[in-house]
Protein backbone atom coordinates (compact mmCIF):
# COMPACT_ATOMS: atom_id res chain seq x y z
CA MET A 1 0.46 22.05 -16.97
CA LYS A 2 1.31 23.45 -13.82
CA GLU A 3 1.12 26.76 -15.00
CA LEU A 4 -1.93 26.27 -15.72
CA VAL A 5 -3.14 24.42 -12.70
CA GLU A 6 -1.32 27.61 -10.74
CA VAL A 7 -3.71 30.43 -12.78
CA ILE A 8 -6.57 28.84 -12.19
CA ALA A 9 -5.80 28.19 -8.73
CA LYS A 10 -4.64 31.77 -8.04
CA ALA A 11 -7.97 33.39 -9.68
CA LEU A 12 -9.99 31.19 -7.73
CA VAL A 13 -8.12 31.58 -4.02
CA GLU A 14 -7.81 34.79 -1.41
CA HIS A 15 -4.49 34.00 -0.69
CA PRO A 16 -3.35 33.48 -4.26
CA ASP A 17 0.64 33.64 -2.35
CA GLU A 18 -0.14 30.53 -0.59
CA VAL A 19 -0.60 28.49 -3.87
CA VAL A 20 1.81 25.50 -4.66
CA VAL A 21 2.32 23.86 -7.51
CA THR A 22 4.47 20.92 -8.39
CA GLU A 23 4.45 18.71 -10.70
CA GLU A 24 6.52 15.29 -11.74
CA THR A 25 6.39 13.46 -14.98
CA ARG A 26 7.02 9.80 -15.06
CA GLY A 27 6.49 8.91 -19.23
CA LYS A 28 3.05 10.26 -20.52
CA VAL A 29 2.17 10.60 -17.14
CA THR A 30 2.86 14.04 -15.22
CA LYS A 31 0.83 13.72 -12.02
CA VAL A 32 0.63 17.96 -10.76
CA ASP A 33 -0.22 18.26 -6.88
CA LEU A 34 -1.70 21.84 -6.13
CA LYS A 35 -1.52 23.09 -2.59
CA VAL A 36 -4.01 25.81 -0.86
CA ALA A 37 -4.50 27.86 2.49
CA PRO A 38 -6.44 25.35 4.32
CA SER A 39 -9.22 28.77 4.33
CA ASP A 40 -9.37 28.26 0.33
CA MET A 41 -9.68 24.88 0.16
CA GLY A 42 -13.50 25.26 -0.50
CA LYS A 43 -12.79 27.58 -3.32
CA VAL A 44 -10.15 25.09 -4.58
CA ILE A 45 -13.38 22.27 -4.31
CA GLY A 46 -16.34 23.49 -4.55
CA ARG A 47 -19.86 22.45 -3.88
CA GLN A 48 -20.04 18.31 -4.45
CA GLY A 49 -16.52 19.03 -5.96
CA ARG A 50 -18.06 20.67 -9.15
CA ILE A 51 -14.80 22.94 -9.02
CA ALA A 52 -12.11 20.95 -8.43
CA LYS A 53 -13.82 18.64 -11.63
CA ALA A 54 -13.90 21.85 -13.83
CA ILE A 55 -10.10 22.34 -12.93
CA ARG A 56 -9.09 18.53 -13.34
CA THR A 57 -11.49 18.54 -17.22
CA VAL A 58 -9.36 21.61 -18.17
CA VAL A 59 -6.47 20.48 -17.88
CA LYS A 60 -7.24 16.86 -19.29
CA ALA A 61 -8.01 18.87 -22.34
CA ALA A 62 -5.12 20.70 -22.30
CA ALA A 63 -2.97 17.72 -22.37
CA SER A 64 -4.58 16.06 -24.66
CA ILE A 65 -3.33 17.65 -27.08
CA ASP A 66 0.23 16.54 -26.31
CA ASP A 67 -1.09 13.07 -25.79
CA GLU A 68 -0.57 12.65 -21.63
CA ILE A 69 -2.68 11.64 -19.55
CA VAL A 70 -2.39 14.38 -16.08
CA ASP A 71 -3.17 13.36 -12.16
CA VAL A 72 -4.78 16.59 -10.55
CA ASN A 73 -4.27 16.28 -6.68
CA ILE A 74 -6.17 19.19 -4.33
CA ASP A 75 -4.88 18.96 -0.67
CA SER A 76 -4.06 21.66 1.68
CA GLU A 77 -1.04 23.32 3.27
CA SER A 78 -1.92 22.64 6.60
CA ASP A 79 -2.48 18.54 5.96
CA GLU A 80 1.40 18.52 4.87
CA GLU A 81 2.08 20.13 8.18
CA GLU A 82 0.75 17.59 10.49
CA GLY A 83 1.75 14.71 8.19
CA GLU A 84 5.71 16.33 9.27
CA GLU A 85 5.07 15.60 13.35
């Protein structure tokens, strides 16, 4: 699922080199974290969250083939840096 989220996100943003996707699996539940540049957050989320919802829907459909549960979280890289101070 990590690769799928990464391909979709890089196609949407202006700074594809700043896209970071991490994946953590526990049993049948997979947590995918997508981090993008703060200036690209709007492009990944979309108006009223439509693009974010579409990303989650595509990933959920791909995961259902393997009978997995996937949780996709979207953050900006600046959010992580603020928490480290």
